[in-house]
PDB file of N, CA and C in Angstrom:
ATOM      1  N   MET A   1       5.454  17.308  53.339  1.00  0.00           N
ATOM      2  CA  MET A   1       4.384  17.134  53.380  1.00  0.00           C
ATOM      3  C   MET A   1       4.105  18.897  52.851  1.00  0.00           C
ATOM      4  N   GLU A   2       2.704  18.878  53.005  1.00  0.00           N
ATOM      5  CA  GLU A   2       2.257  20.036  51.973  1.00  0.00           C
ATOM      6  C   GLU A   2       1.817  21.611  52.938  1.00  0.00           C
ATOM      7  N   GLU A   3       1.633  22.258  52.688  1.00  0.00           N
ATOM      8  CA  GLU A   3       1.664  23.554  54.260  1.00  0.00           C
ATOM      9  C   GLU A   3       0.406  23.905  54.469  1.00  0.00           C
ATOM     10  N   PHE A   4       0.383  24.439  55.263  1.00  0.00           N
ATOM     11  CA  PHE A   4      -1.200  24.840  55.317  1.00  0.00           C
ATOM     12  C   PHE A   4      -1.105  26.173  55.789  1.00  0.00           C
ATOM     13  N   SER A   5      -2.621  27.323  55.178  1.00  0.00           N
ATOM     14  CA  SER A   5      -2.537  28.766  55.165  1.00  0.00           C
ATOM     15  C   SER A   5      -4.128  29.248  55.618  1.00  0.00           C
ATOM     16  N   ILE A   6      -4.434  30.037  56.285  1.00  0.00           N
ATOM     17  CA  ILE A   6      -5.704  30.321  56.927  1.00  0.00           C
ATOM     18  C   ILE A   6      -5.277  32.083  55.758  1.00  0.00           C
ATOM     19  N   HIS A   7      -6.302  32.058  54.957  1.00  0.00           N
ATOM     20  CA  HIS A   7      -6.629  33.353  55.109  1.00  0.00           C
ATOM     21  C   HIS A   7      -8.196  34.125  55.367  1.00  0.00           C
ATOM     22  N   THR A   8      -7.823  35.279  55.752  1.00  0.00           N
ATOM     23  CA  THR A   8      -8.896  35.580  56.722  1.00  0.00           C
ATOM     24  C   THR A   8      -9.978  36.722  55.686  1.00  0.00           C
ATOM     25  N   ARG A   9     -10.338  36.813  55.669  1.00  0.00           N
ATOM     26  CA  ARG A   9     -11.637  38.064  54.869  1.00  0.00           C
ATOM     27  C   ARG A   9     -12.552  38.679  55.903  1.00  0.00           C
ATOM     28  N   LYS A  10     -13.737  39.547  56.018  1.00  0.00           N
ATOM     29  CA  LYS A  10     -14.968  40.121  56.593  1.00  0.00           C
ATOM     30  C   LYS A  10     -15.865  40.457  55.381  1.00  0.00           C
ATOM     31  N   HIS A  11     -16.822  39.836  56.359  1.00  0.00           N
ATOM     32  CA  HIS A  11     -18.560  40.431  55.196  1.00  0.00           C
ATOM     33  C   HIS A  11     -19.225  40.953  56.913  1.00  0.00           C
ATOM     34  N   ASP A  12     -19.014  42.218  56.369  1.00  0.00           N
ATOM     35  CA  ASP A  12     -19.700  42.424  57.734  1.00  0.00           C
ATOM     36  C   ASP A  12     -19.541  42.056  59.403  1.00  0.00           C
ATOM     37  N   ASP A  13     -20.378  42.251  59.831  1.00  0.00           N
ATOM     38  CA  ASP A  13     -19.251  41.429  61.435  1.00  0.00           C
ATOM     39  C   ASP A  13     -19.177  39.928  61.070  1.00  0.00           C
ATOM     40  N   ILE A  14     -19.101  39.299  59.922  1.00  0.00           N
ATOM     41  CA  ILE A  14     -18.922  37.693  59.666  1.00  0.00           C
ATOM     42  C   ILE A  14     -17.564  37.768  59.747  1.00  0.00           C
ATOM     43  N   VAL A  15     -16.820  36.597  59.943  1.00  0.00           N
ATOM     44  CA  VAL A  15     -15.188  37.066  59.386  1.00  0.00           C
ATOM     45  C   VAL A  15     -15.618  35.516  58.770  1.00  0.00           C
ATOM     46  N   LEU A  16     -14.646  35.522  57.458  1.00  0.00           N
ATOM     47  CA  LEU A  16     -14.473  34.505  56.422  1.00  0.00           C
ATOM     48  C   LEU A  16     -13.365  33.738  56.683  1.00  0.00           C
ATOM     49  N   LEU A  17     -13.134  32.277  56.617  1.00  0.00           N
ATOM     50  CA  LEU A  17     -11.381  31.733  56.844  1.00  0.00           C
ATOM     51  C   LEU A  17     -11.762  30.682  55.829  1.00  0.00           C
ATOM     52  N   ASP A  18     -11.023  30.921  54.692  1.00  0.00           N
ATOM     53  CA  ASP A  18     -10.305  30.014  53.552  1.00  0.00           C
ATOM     54  C   ASP A  18      -9.020  29.417  54.501  1.00  0.00           C
ATOM     55  N   LEU A  19      -9.356  28.144  53.825  1.00  0.00           N
ATOM     56  CA  LEU A  19      -8.307  26.840  54.449  1.00  0.00           C
ATOM     57  C   LEU A  19      -7.871  26.867  53.024  1.00  0.00           C
ATOM     58  N   ASN A  20      -6.025  26.179  53.306  1.00  0.00           N
ATOM     59  CA  ASN A  20      -5.508  25.932  52.311  1.00  0.00           C
ATOM     60  C   ASN A  20      -4.514  24.776  52.104  1.00  0.00           C
ATOM     61  N   GLY A  21      -4.468  23.828  51.942  1.00  0.00           N
ATOM     62  CA  GLY A  21      -3.638  22.855  51.795  1.00  0.00           C
ATOM     63  C   GLY A  21      -3.974  21.549  52.361  1.00  0.00           C
ATOM     64  N   PHE A  22      -2.750  21.746  54.326  1.00  0.00           N
ATOM     65  CA  PHE A  22      -3.011  20.481  54.955  1.00  0.00           C
ATOM     66  C   PHE A  22      -3.753  21.067  56.227  1.00  0.00           C
ATOM     67  N   LEU A  23      -4.688  20.467  56.893  1.00  0.00           N
ATOM     68  CA  LEU A  23      -5.112  20.764  58.584  1.00  0.00           C
ATOM     69  C   LEU A  23      -5.073  19.273  58.993  1.00  0.00           C
ATOM     70  N   ASP A  24      -3.452  18.263  59.617  1.00  0.00           N
ATOM     71  CA  ASP A  24      -3.075  17.739  60.154  1.00  0.00           C
ATOM     72  C   ASP A  24      -3.063  17.438  61.814  1.00  0.00           C
ATOM     73  N   ALA A  25      -1.894  17.031  62.785  1.00  0.00           N
ATOM     74  CA  ALA A  25      -2.185  17.608  63.914  1.00  0.00           C
ATOM     75  C   ALA A  25      -1.035  18.705  64.189  1.00  0.00           C
ATOM     76  N   HIS A  26       0.114  18.741  63.562  1.00  0.00           N
ATOM     77  CA  HIS A  26       1.020  19.863  63.668  1.00  0.00           C
ATOM     78  C   HIS A  26       0.085  21.251  62.918  1.00  0.00           C
ATOM     79  N   THR A  27      -0.140  21.454  61.567  1.00  0.00           N
ATOM     80  CA  THR A  27      -1.203  22.706  61.549  1.00  0.00           C
ATOM     81  C   THR A  27      -2.515  23.132  62.337  1.00  0.00           C
ATOM     82  N   SER A  28      -3.184  22.329  63.025  1.00  0.00           N
ATOM     83  CA  SER A  28      -4.644  22.147  63.513  1.00  0.00           C
ATOM     84  C   SER A  28      -4.107  23.603  64.838  1.00  0.00           C
ATOM     85  N   VAL A  29      -2.842  23.379  65.467  1.00  0.00           N
ATOM     86  CA  VAL A  29      -2.452  24.512  65.974  1.00  0.00           C
ATOM     87  C   VAL A  29      -3.085  26.027  65.355  1.00  0.00           C
ATOM     88  N   GLU A  30      -2.548  25.570  64.121  1.00  0.00           N
ATOM     89  CA  GLU A  30      -2.472  27.343  63.220  1.00  0.00           C
ATOM     90  C   GLU A  30      -4.428  28.073  63.815  1.00  0.00           C
ATOM     91  N   LEU A  31      -5.410  26.733  63.188  1.00  0.00           N
ATOM     92  CA  LEU A  31      -6.362  27.216  62.979  1.00  0.00           C
ATOM     93  C   LEU A  31      -6.592  27.562  64.525  1.00  0.00           C
ATOM     94  N   GLU A  32      -6.308  26.385  65.845  1.00  0.00           N
ATOM     95  CA  GLU A  32      -6.777  26.505  66.695  1.00  0.00           C
ATOM     96  C   GLU A  32      -6.649  28.305  67.202  1.00  0.00           C
ATOM     97  N   LYS A  33      -5.365  28.153  67.324  1.00  0.00           N
ATOM     98  CA  LYS A  33      -5.121  29.966  66.943  1.00  0.00           C
ATOM     99  C   LYS A  33      -5.899  31.166  67.369  1.00  0.00           C
ATOM    100  N   LYS A  34      -6.197  30.560  65.112  1.00  0.00           N
ATOM    101  CA  LYS A  34      -6.976  31.770  64.781  1.00  0.00           C
ATOM    102  C   LYS A  34      -8.508  31.907  65.094  1.00  0.00           C
ATOM    103  N   PHE A  35      -9.277  30.592  65.738  1.00  0.00           N
ATOM    104  CA  PHE A  35     -10.134  30.905  66.575  1.00  0.00           C
ATOM    105  C   PHE A  35     -10.343  31.598  67.903  1.00  0.00           C
ATOM    106  N   GLU A  36      -9.057  30.738  68.775  1.00  0.00           N
ATOM    107  CA  GLU A  36      -9.220  31.446  69.868  1.00  0.00           C
ATOM    108  C   GLU A  36      -9.298  33.084  70.097  1.00  0.00           C
ATOM    109  N   GLU A  37      -8.516  33.780  68.731  1.00  0.00           N
ATOM    110  CA  GLU A  37      -7.800  35.278  68.459  1.00  0.00           C
ATOM    111  C   GLU A  37      -9.145  35.764  67.829  1.00  0.00           C
ATOM    112  N   LEU A  38     -10.106  35.160  67.344  1.00  0.00           N
ATOM    113  CA  LEU A  38     -11.362  35.311  66.975  1.00  0.00           C
ATOM    114  C   LEU A  38     -12.746  35.759  67.850  1.00  0.00           C
ATOM    115  N   LEU A  39     -12.815  34.635  68.880  1.00  0.00           N
ATOM    116  CA  LEU A  39     -13.495  34.711  69.491  1.00  0.00           C
ATOM    117  C   LEU A  39     -13.241  35.558  71.155  1.00  0.00           C
ATOM    118  N   ALA A  40     -12.060  35.697  70.888  1.00  0.00           N
ATOM    119  CA  ALA A  40     -11.142  37.131  72.289  1.00  0.00           C
ATOM    120  C   ALA A  40     -11.541  38.185  71.595  1.00  0.00           C
ATOM    121  N   GLN A  41     -12.111  38.522  70.429  1.00  0.00           N
ATOM    122  CA  GLN A  41     -12.362  40.242  69.977  1.00  0.00           C
ATOM    123  C   GLN A  41     -14.189  39.914  69.471  1.00  0.00           C
ATOM    124  N   SER A  42     -14.532  38.751  69.634  1.00  0.00           N
ATOM    125  CA  SER A  42     -16.467  39.060  69.953  1.00  0.00           C
ATOM    126  C   SER A  42     -16.526  38.899  68.580  1.00  0.00           C
ATOM    127  N   SER A  43     -15.740  37.971  67.464  1.00  0.00           N
ATOM    128  CA  SER A  43     -15.899  37.782  66.374  1.00  0.00           C
ATOM    129  C   SER A  43     -16.411  36.368  66.533  1.00  0.00           C
ATOM    130  N   ASN A  44     -17.798  35.980  66.927  1.00  0.00           N
ATOM    131  CA  ASN A  44     -18.564  35.012  67.262  1.00  0.00           C
ATOM    132  C   ASN A  44     -19.364  34.711  65.609  1.00  0.00           C
ATOM    133  N   LYS A  45     -19.428  35.336  64.545  1.00  0.00           N
ATOM    134  CA  LYS A  45     -20.259  34.215  63.628  1.00  0.00           C
ATOM    135  C   LYS A  45     -18.958  34.174  62.497  1.00  0.00           C
ATOM    136  N   ILE A  46     -18.742  33.127  62.163  1.00  0.00           N
ATOM    137  CA  ILE A  46     -17.412  32.783  61.446  1.00  0.00           C
ATOM    138  C   ILE A  46     -17.993  31.884  60.604  1.00  0.00           C
ATOM    139  N   VAL A  47     -17.741  31.995  59.000  1.00  0.00           N
ATOM    140  CA  VAL A  47     -17.816  30.563  58.232  1.00  0.00           C
ATOM    141  C   VAL A  47     -16.875  30.662  57.284  1.00  0.00           C
ATOM    142  N   VAL A  48     -15.990  29.053  57.431  1.00  0.00           N
ATOM    143  CA  VAL A  48     -14.678  28.815  57.177  1.00  0.00           C
ATOM    144  C   VAL A  48     -15.231  27.661  55.626  1.00  0.00           C
ATOM    145  N   ASN A  49     -14.513  28.261  54.699  1.00  0.00           N
ATOM    146  CA  ASN A  49     -14.435  28.074  53.608  1.00  0.00           C
ATOM    147  C   ASN A  49     -13.290  26.891  53.335  1.00  0.00           C
ATOM    148  N   PHE A  50     -13.629  25.823  52.699  1.00  0.00           N
ATOM    149  CA  PHE A  50     -12.610  24.479  52.579  1.00  0.00           C
ATOM    150  C   PHE A  50     -12.833  24.811  51.047  1.00  0.00           C
ATOM    151  N   GLN A  51     -12.982  25.178  49.867  1.00  0.00           N
ATOM    152  CA  GLN A  51     -12.369  25.108  48.876  1.00  0.00           C
ATOM    153  C   GLN A  51     -10.848  24.832  48.364  1.00  0.00           C
ATOM    154  N   LYS A  52      -9.436  25.213  49.020  1.00  0.00           N
ATOM    155  CA  LYS A  52      -8.406  24.984  49.047  1.00  0.00           C
ATOM    156  C   LYS A  52      -7.976  23.995  49.817  1.00  0.00           C
ATOM    157  N   LEU A  53      -9.523  23.189  50.414  1.00  0.00           N
ATOM    158  CA  LEU A  53      -8.573  22.182  51.735  1.00  0.00           C
ATOM    159  C   LEU A  53      -8.228  20.396  50.701  1.00  0.00           C
ATOM    160  N   SER A  54      -7.039  20.299  51.325  1.00  0.00           N
ATOM    161  CA  SER A  54      -6.851  18.716  50.380  1.00  0.00           C
ATOM    162  C   SER A  54      -6.748  18.016  51.125  1.00  0.00           C
ATOM    163  N   TYR A  55      -6.828  18.064  52.651  1.00  0.00           N
ATOM    164  CA  TYR A  55      -6.456  17.192  53.811  1.00  0.00           C
ATOM    165  C   TYR A  55      -7.132  17.379  54.990  1.00  0.00           C
ATOM    166  N   ILE A  56      -8.044  16.931  55.784  1.00  0.00           N
ATOM    167  CA  ILE A  56      -8.869  17.682  56.933  1.00  0.00           C
ATOM    168  C   ILE A  56      -7.779  15.637  58.113  1.00  0.00           C
ATOM    169  N   SER A  57      -7.292  16.357  59.110  1.00  0.00           N
ATOM    170  CA  SER A  57      -7.056  14.864  59.808  1.00  0.00           C
ATOM    171  C   SER A  57      -7.808  15.021  61.259  1.00  0.00           C
ATOM    172  N   SER A  58      -7.947  14.018  61.907  1.00  0.00           N
ATOM    173  CA  SER A  58      -9.302  13.833  63.219  1.00  0.00           C
ATOM    174  C   SER A  58      -8.888  15.312  64.334  1.00  0.00           C
ATOM    175  N   ALA A  59      -6.900  15.042  64.566  1.00  0.00           N
ATOM    176  CA  ALA A  59      -6.729  17.070  64.980  1.00  0.00           C
ATOM    177  C   ALA A  59      -7.430  17.745  63.807  1.00  0.00           C
ATOM    178  N   GLY A  60      -7.933  17.489  63.271  1.00  0.00           N
ATOM    179  CA  GLY A  60      -7.743  19.300  62.312  1.00  0.00           C
ATOM    180  C   GLY A  60      -9.785  19.282  62.844  1.00  0.00           C
ATOM    181  N   LEU A  61     -10.253  17.979  62.136  1.00  0.00           N
ATOM    182  CA  LEU A  61     -11.940  17.721  63.203  1.00  0.00           C
ATOM    183  C   LEU A  61     -12.221  18.354  64.439  1.00  0.00           C
ATOM    184  N   GLY A  62     -11.312  18.053  65.092  1.00  0.00           N
ATOM    185  CA  GLY A  62     -11.312  18.617  66.410  1.00  0.00           C
ATOM    186  C   GLY A  62     -11.015  19.903  66.619  1.00  0.00           C
ATOM    187  N   VAL A  63     -10.922  20.590  66.308  1.00  0.00           N
ATOM    188  CA  VAL A  63     -10.599  22.239  66.309  1.00  0.00           C
ATOM    189  C   VAL A  63     -11.577  22.849  66.449  1.00  0.00           C
ATOM    190  N   PHE A  64     -12.499  22.032  64.660  1.00  0.00           N
ATOM    191  CA  PHE A  64     -14.239  22.729  65.134  1.00  0.00           C
ATOM    192  C   PHE A  64     -15.333  22.246  66.548  1.00  0.00           C
ATOM    193  N   MET A  65     -14.884  21.133  66.734  1.00  0.00           N
ATOM    194  CA  MET A  65     -15.367  20.528  67.992  1.00  0.00           C
ATOM    195  C   MET A  65     -15.368  21.080  69.114  1.00  0.00           C
ATOM    196  N   ALA A  66     -14.078  21.733  69.152  1.00  0.00           N
ATOM    197  CA  ALA A  66     -14.201  22.689  70.330  1.00  0.00           C
ATOM    198  C   ALA A  66     -14.415  24.079  70.692  1.00  0.00           C
ATOM    199  N   PHE A  67     -14.826  24.503  69.816  1.00  0.00           N
ATOM    200  CA  PHE A  67     -14.588  25.665  69.235  1.00  0.00           C
ATOM    201  C   PHE A  67     -16.212  26.055  68.944  1.00  0.00           C
ATOM    202  N   ILE A  68     -17.329  25.513  68.652  1.00  0.00           N
ATOM    203  CA  ILE A  68     -18.750  25.892  68.356  1.00  0.00           C
ATOM    204  C   ILE A  68     -19.027  25.355  69.046  1.00  0.00           C
ATOM    205  N   GLU A  69     -19.157  25.609  70.247  1.00  0.00           N
ATOM    206  CA  GLU A  69     -20.130  25.325  71.680  1.00  0.00           C
ATOM    207  C   GLU A  69     -20.365  26.981  72.236  1.00  0.00           C
ATOM    208  N   ASN A  70     -19.136  27.571  71.901  1.00  0.00           N
ATOM    209  CA  ASN A  70     -18.225  28.908  72.564  1.00  0.00           C
ATOM    210  C   ASN A  70     -19.008  30.086  71.745  1.00  0.00           C
ATOM    211  N   ALA A  71     -19.330  29.738  70.338  1.00  0.00           N
ATOM    212  CA  ALA A  71     -18.962  30.992  69.795  1.00  0.00           C
ATOM    213  C   ALA A  71     -20.968  30.602  69.325  1.00  0.00           C
ATOM    214  N   ARG A  72     -21.588  29.494  69.873  1.00  0.00           N
ATOM    215  CA  ARG A  72     -23.099  29.681  70.218  1.00  0.00           C
ATOM    216  C   ARG A  72     -23.709  30.273  70.748  1.00  0.00           C
ATOM    217  N   ASN A  73     -22.842  29.958  71.629  1.00  0.00           N
ATOM    218  CA  ASN A  73     -22.691  30.811  73.475  1.00  0.00           C
ATOM    219  C   ASN A  73     -22.729  32.063  73.234  1.00  0.00           C
ATOM    220  N   ASN A  74     -21.939  32.829  72.481  1.00  0.00           N
ATOM    221  CA  ASN A  74     -22.025  34.227  72.547  1.00  0.00           C
ATOM    222  C   ASN A  74     -22.770  34.827  71.359  1.00  0.00           C
ATOM    223  N   ALA A  75     -24.023  34.032  71.016  1.00  0.00           N
ATOM    224  CA  ALA A  75     -24.583  34.640  69.476  1.00  0.00           C
ATOM    225  C   ALA A  75     -24.316  34.769  68.419  1.00  0.00           C
ATOM    226  N   GLY A  76     -22.667  33.538  68.866  1.00  0.00           N
ATOM    227  CA  GLY A  76     -22.811  33.205  66.914  1.00  0.00           C
ATOM    228  C   GLY A  76     -23.054  31.742  66.384  1.00  0.00           C
ATOM    229  N   ASP A  77     -22.258  31.557  65.179  1.00  0.00           N
ATOM    230  CA  ASP A  77     -21.962  30.626  64.788  1.00  0.00           C
ATOM    231  C   ASP A  77     -20.669  29.916  64.029  1.00  0.00           C
ATOM    232  N   ILE A  78     -20.506  28.494  63.557  1.00  0.00           N
ATOM    233  CA  ILE A  78     -19.510  28.007  62.337  1.00  0.00           C
ATOM    234  C   ILE A  78     -19.552  28.030  62.123  1.00  0.00           C
ATOM    235  N   LYS A  79     -20.007  27.920  60.529  1.00  0.00           N
ATOM    236  CA  LYS A  79     -21.063  27.878  59.506  1.00  0.00           C
ATOM    237  C   LYS A  79     -19.809  27.149  58.767  1.00  0.00           C
ATOM    238  N   LEU A  80     -20.035  25.861  57.527  1.00  0.00           N
ATOM    239  CA  LEU A  80     -18.881  25.463  56.437  1.00  0.00           C
ATOM    240  C   LEU A  80     -19.262  24.974  55.618  1.00  0.00           C
ATOM    241  N   CYS A  81     -18.464  25.776  55.019  1.00  0.00           N
ATOM    242  CA  CYS A  81     -18.689  25.650  53.611  1.00  0.00           C
ATOM    243  C   CYS A  81     -17.641  25.273  52.437  1.00  0.00           C
ATOM    244  N   GLY A  82     -17.999  25.042  50.894  1.00  0.00           N
ATOM    245  CA  GLY A  82     -16.974  25.024  49.583  1.00  0.00           C
ATOM    246  C   GLY A  82     -16.194  23.167  49.722  1.00  0.00           C
ATOM    247  N   MET A  83     -16.759  22.455  51.029  1.00  0.00           N
ATOM    248  CA  MET A  83     -15.830  20.668  51.165  1.00  0.00           C
ATOM    249  C   MET A  83     -16.070  20.455  49.742  1.00  0.00           C
ATOM    250  N   SER A  84     -15.202  19.597  48.961  1.00  0.00           N
ATOM    251  CA  SER A  84     -14.165  18.545  48.347  1.00  0.00           C
ATOM    252  C   SER A  84     -15.590  17.299  48.389  1.00  0.00           C
ATOM    253  N   ASP A  85     -16.194  16.289  47.934  1.00  0.00           N
ATOM    254  CA  ASP A  85     -16.583  15.516  48.037  1.00  0.00           C
ATOM    255  C   ASP A  85     -15.930  14.320  48.715  1.00  0.00           C
ATOM    256  N   LYS A  86     -14.110  14.213  48.641  1.00  0.00           N
ATOM    257  CA  LYS A  86     -13.178  13.675  49.854  1.00  0.00           C
ATOM    258  C   LYS A  86     -13.444  14.380  51.475  1.00  0.00           C
ATOM    259  N   ILE A  87     -13.737  15.647  51.854  1.00  0.00           N
ATOM    260  CA  ILE A  87     -13.539  16.405  52.971  1.00  0.00           C
ATOM    261  C   ILE A  87     -15.116  15.648  53.117  1.00  0.00           C
ATOM    262  N   TYR A  88     -15.711  16.521  52.510  1.00  0.00           N
ATOM    263  CA  TYR A  88     -17.163  16.219  53.071  1.00  0.00           C
ATOM    264  C   TYR A  88     -17.776  14.885  53.843  1.00  0.00           C
ATOM    265  N   ASN A  89     -17.109  13.918  53.197  1.00  0.00           N
ATOM    266  CA  ASN A  89     -17.588  12.672  53.635  1.00  0.00           C
ATOM    267  C   ASN A  89     -17.042  11.829  54.185  1.00  0.00           C
ATOM    268  N   ILE A  90     -15.749  12.766  54.851  1.00  0.00           N
ATOM    269  CA  ILE A  90     -15.572  12.970  56.226  1.00  0.00           C
ATOM    270  C   ILE A  90     -15.935  13.554  57.367  1.00  0.00           C
ATOM    271  N   PHE A  91     -16.398  14.921  56.693  1.00  0.00           N
ATOM    272  CA  PHE A  91     -17.234  14.947  58.006  1.00  0.00           C
ATOM    273  C   PHE A  91     -18.609  14.130  58.411  1.00  0.00           C
ATOM    274  N   ASP A  92     -19.143  13.788  57.088  1.00  0.00           N
ATOM    275  CA  ASP A  92     -20.573  12.973  56.984  1.00  0.00           C
ATOM    276  C   ASP A  92     -20.227  11.924  58.193  1.00  0.00           C
ATOM    277  N   MET A  93     -18.920  10.921  57.600  1.00  0.00           N
ATOM    278  CA  MET A  93     -19.043   9.782  58.472  1.00  0.00           C
ATOM    279  C   MET A  93     -18.963   9.885  59.635  1.00  0.00           C
ATOM    280  N   LEU A  94     -18.367  11.285  59.854  1.00  0.00           N
ATOM    281  CA  LEU A  94     -18.332  11.386  62.046  1.00  0.00           C
ATOM    282  C   LEU A  94     -20.149  11.681  62.506  1.00  0.00           C
ATOM    283  N   GLY A  95     -20.829  11.991  61.890  1.00  0.00           N
ATOM    284  CA  GLY A  95     -21.665  13.023  62.318  1.00  0.00           C
ATOM    285  C   GLY A  95     -21.720  14.132  62.183  1.00  0.00           C
ATOM    286  N   PHE A  96     -21.187  14.870  61.780  1.00  0.00           N
ATOM    287  CA  PHE A  96     -20.641  16.554  62.145  1.00  0.00           C
ATOM    288  C   PHE A  96     -21.538  17.441  61.092  1.00  0.00           C
ATOM    289  N   PRO A  97     -22.220  16.683  59.662  1.00  0.00           N
ATOM    290  CA  PRO A  97     -23.842  17.539  59.417  1.00  0.00           C
ATOM    291  C   PRO A  97     -24.677  17.747  60.361  1.00  0.00           C
ATOM    292  N   ILE A  98     -25.364  16.718  61.442  1.00  0.00           N
ATOM    293  CA  ILE A  98     -26.228  16.820  62.898  1.00  0.00           C
ATOM    294  C   ILE A  98     -25.553  18.258  63.113  1.00  0.00           C
ATOM    295  N   LEU A  99     -24.712  18.643  63.695  1.00  0.00           N
ATOM    296  CA  LEU A  99     -23.491  19.656  64.750  1.00  0.00           C
ATOM    297  C   LEU A  99     -23.986  20.557  63.628  1.00  0.00           C
ATOM    298  N   PHE A 100     -22.802  20.585  62.726  1.00  0.00           N
ATOM    299  CA  PHE A 100     -22.938  21.920  61.956  1.00  0.00           C
ATOM    300  C   PHE A 100     -23.671  21.973  60.908  1.00  0.00           C
ATOM    301  N   GLU A 101     -24.283  23.685  60.474  1.00  0.00           N
ATOM    302  CA  GLU A 101     -24.918  23.393  59.465  1.00  0.00           C
ATOM    303  C   GLU A 101     -23.429  23.892  58.396  1.00  0.00           C
ATOM    304  N   ILE A 102     -23.263  22.917  56.691  1.00  0.00           N
ATOM    305  CA  ILE A 102     -22.406  22.535  55.768  1.00  0.00           C
ATOM    306  C   ILE A 102     -23.212  22.810  54.233  1.00  0.00           C
ATOM    307  N   TYR A 103     -22.680  23.913  53.529  1.00  0.00           N
ATOM    308  CA  TYR A 103     -23.290  24.631  52.500  1.00  0.00           C
ATOM    309  C   TYR A 103     -22.005  24.268  51.189  1.00  0.00           C
ATOM    310  N   ARG A 104     -22.524  24.032  50.405  1.00  0.00           N
ATOM    311  CA  ARG A 104     -21.347  24.029  48.927  1.00  0.00           C
ATOM    312  C   ARG A 104     -21.504  25.233  48.685  1.00  0.00           C
ATOM    313  N   GLU A 105     -22.073  26.601  48.853  1.00  0.00           N
ATOM    314  CA  GLU A 105     -21.597  27.785  48.429  1.00  0.00           C
ATOM    315  C   GLU A 105     -21.163  28.458  49.698  1.00  0.00           C
ATOM    316  N   GLU A 106     -20.823  29.720  49.722  1.00  0.00           N
ATOM    317  CA  GLU A 106     -19.536  30.184  50.663  1.00  0.00           C
ATOM    318  C   GLU A 106     -21.429  31.545  50.908  1.00  0.00           C
ATOM    319  N   ASN A 107     -21.781  32.074  49.530  1.00  0.00           N
ATOM    320  CA  ASN A 107     -22.985  33.029  49.925  1.00  0.00           C
ATOM    321  C   ASN A 107     -23.887  32.216  50.840  1.00  0.00           C
ATOM    322  N   THR A 108     -24.374  30.942  50.392  1.00  0.00           N
ATOM    323  CA  THR A 108     -25.567  31.043  51.080  1.00  0.00           C
ATOM    324  C   THR A 108     -24.878  30.368  52.216  1.00  0.00           C
ATOM    325  N   ALA A 109     -23.198  30.256  52.795  1.00  0.00           N
ATOM    326  CA  ALA A 109     -23.266  29.885  54.126  1.00  0.00           C
ATOM    327  C   ALA A 109     -23.837  31.521  54.889  1.00  0.00           C
ATOM    328  N   LEU A 110     -23.323  32.763  54.628  1.00  0.00           N
ATOM    329  CA  LEU A 110     -23.124  33.801  54.532  1.00  0.00           C
ATOM    330  C   LEU A 110     -25.120  34.688  55.014  1.00  0.00           C
ATOM    331  N   ASP A 111     -26.098  33.893  53.866  1.00  0.00           N
ATOM    332  CA  ASP A 111     -27.241  34.326  54.200  1.00  0.00           C
ATOM    333  C   ASP A 111     -27.438  33.367  55.365  1.00  0.00           C
ATOM    334  N   LYS A 112     -27.297  32.331  55.637  1.00  0.00           N
ATOM    335  CA  LYS A 112     -28.099  31.830  56.623  1.00  0.00           C
ATOM    336  C   LYS A 112     -27.605  32.397  58.114  1.00  0.00           C
ATOM    337  N   PHE A 113     -26.763  34.081  57.796  1.00  0.00           N
ATOM    338  CA  PHE A 113     -26.365  34.281  59.377  1.00  0.00           C
ATOM    339  C   PHE A 113     -27.410  35.598  59.185  1.00  0.00           C
ATOM    340  N   ALA A 114     -28.157  36.054  58.081  1.00  0.00           N
ATOM    341  CA  ALA A 114     -29.190  36.829  58.342  1.00  0.00           C
ATOM    342  C   ALA A 114     -30.454  36.930  59.169  1.00  0.00           C
TER     343      ALA A 114
END
């Protein structure tokens, strides 16, 4: 099984999360903990970059649903970017583009917080 990792970066008051590998039922706990940690620190402006993510399961998708409302209720948001067509099609099939702002480029997602 392929591994999963999260690399964290900062851009002003925005936290960027670079996802790498497989996000499934086993690894989604790691992403969940990262969101909990960020929101507890009042880091409510988050951009998640999917450029190096090769797989996402329903458990991985559920993590985003669990935290989007919390971020928005605290003057923030979770914006998504850099998805491969394969990953985007999964999000699209489930109606996520209605709930989340999804961008091809990371810079565009960052600019939307301005």
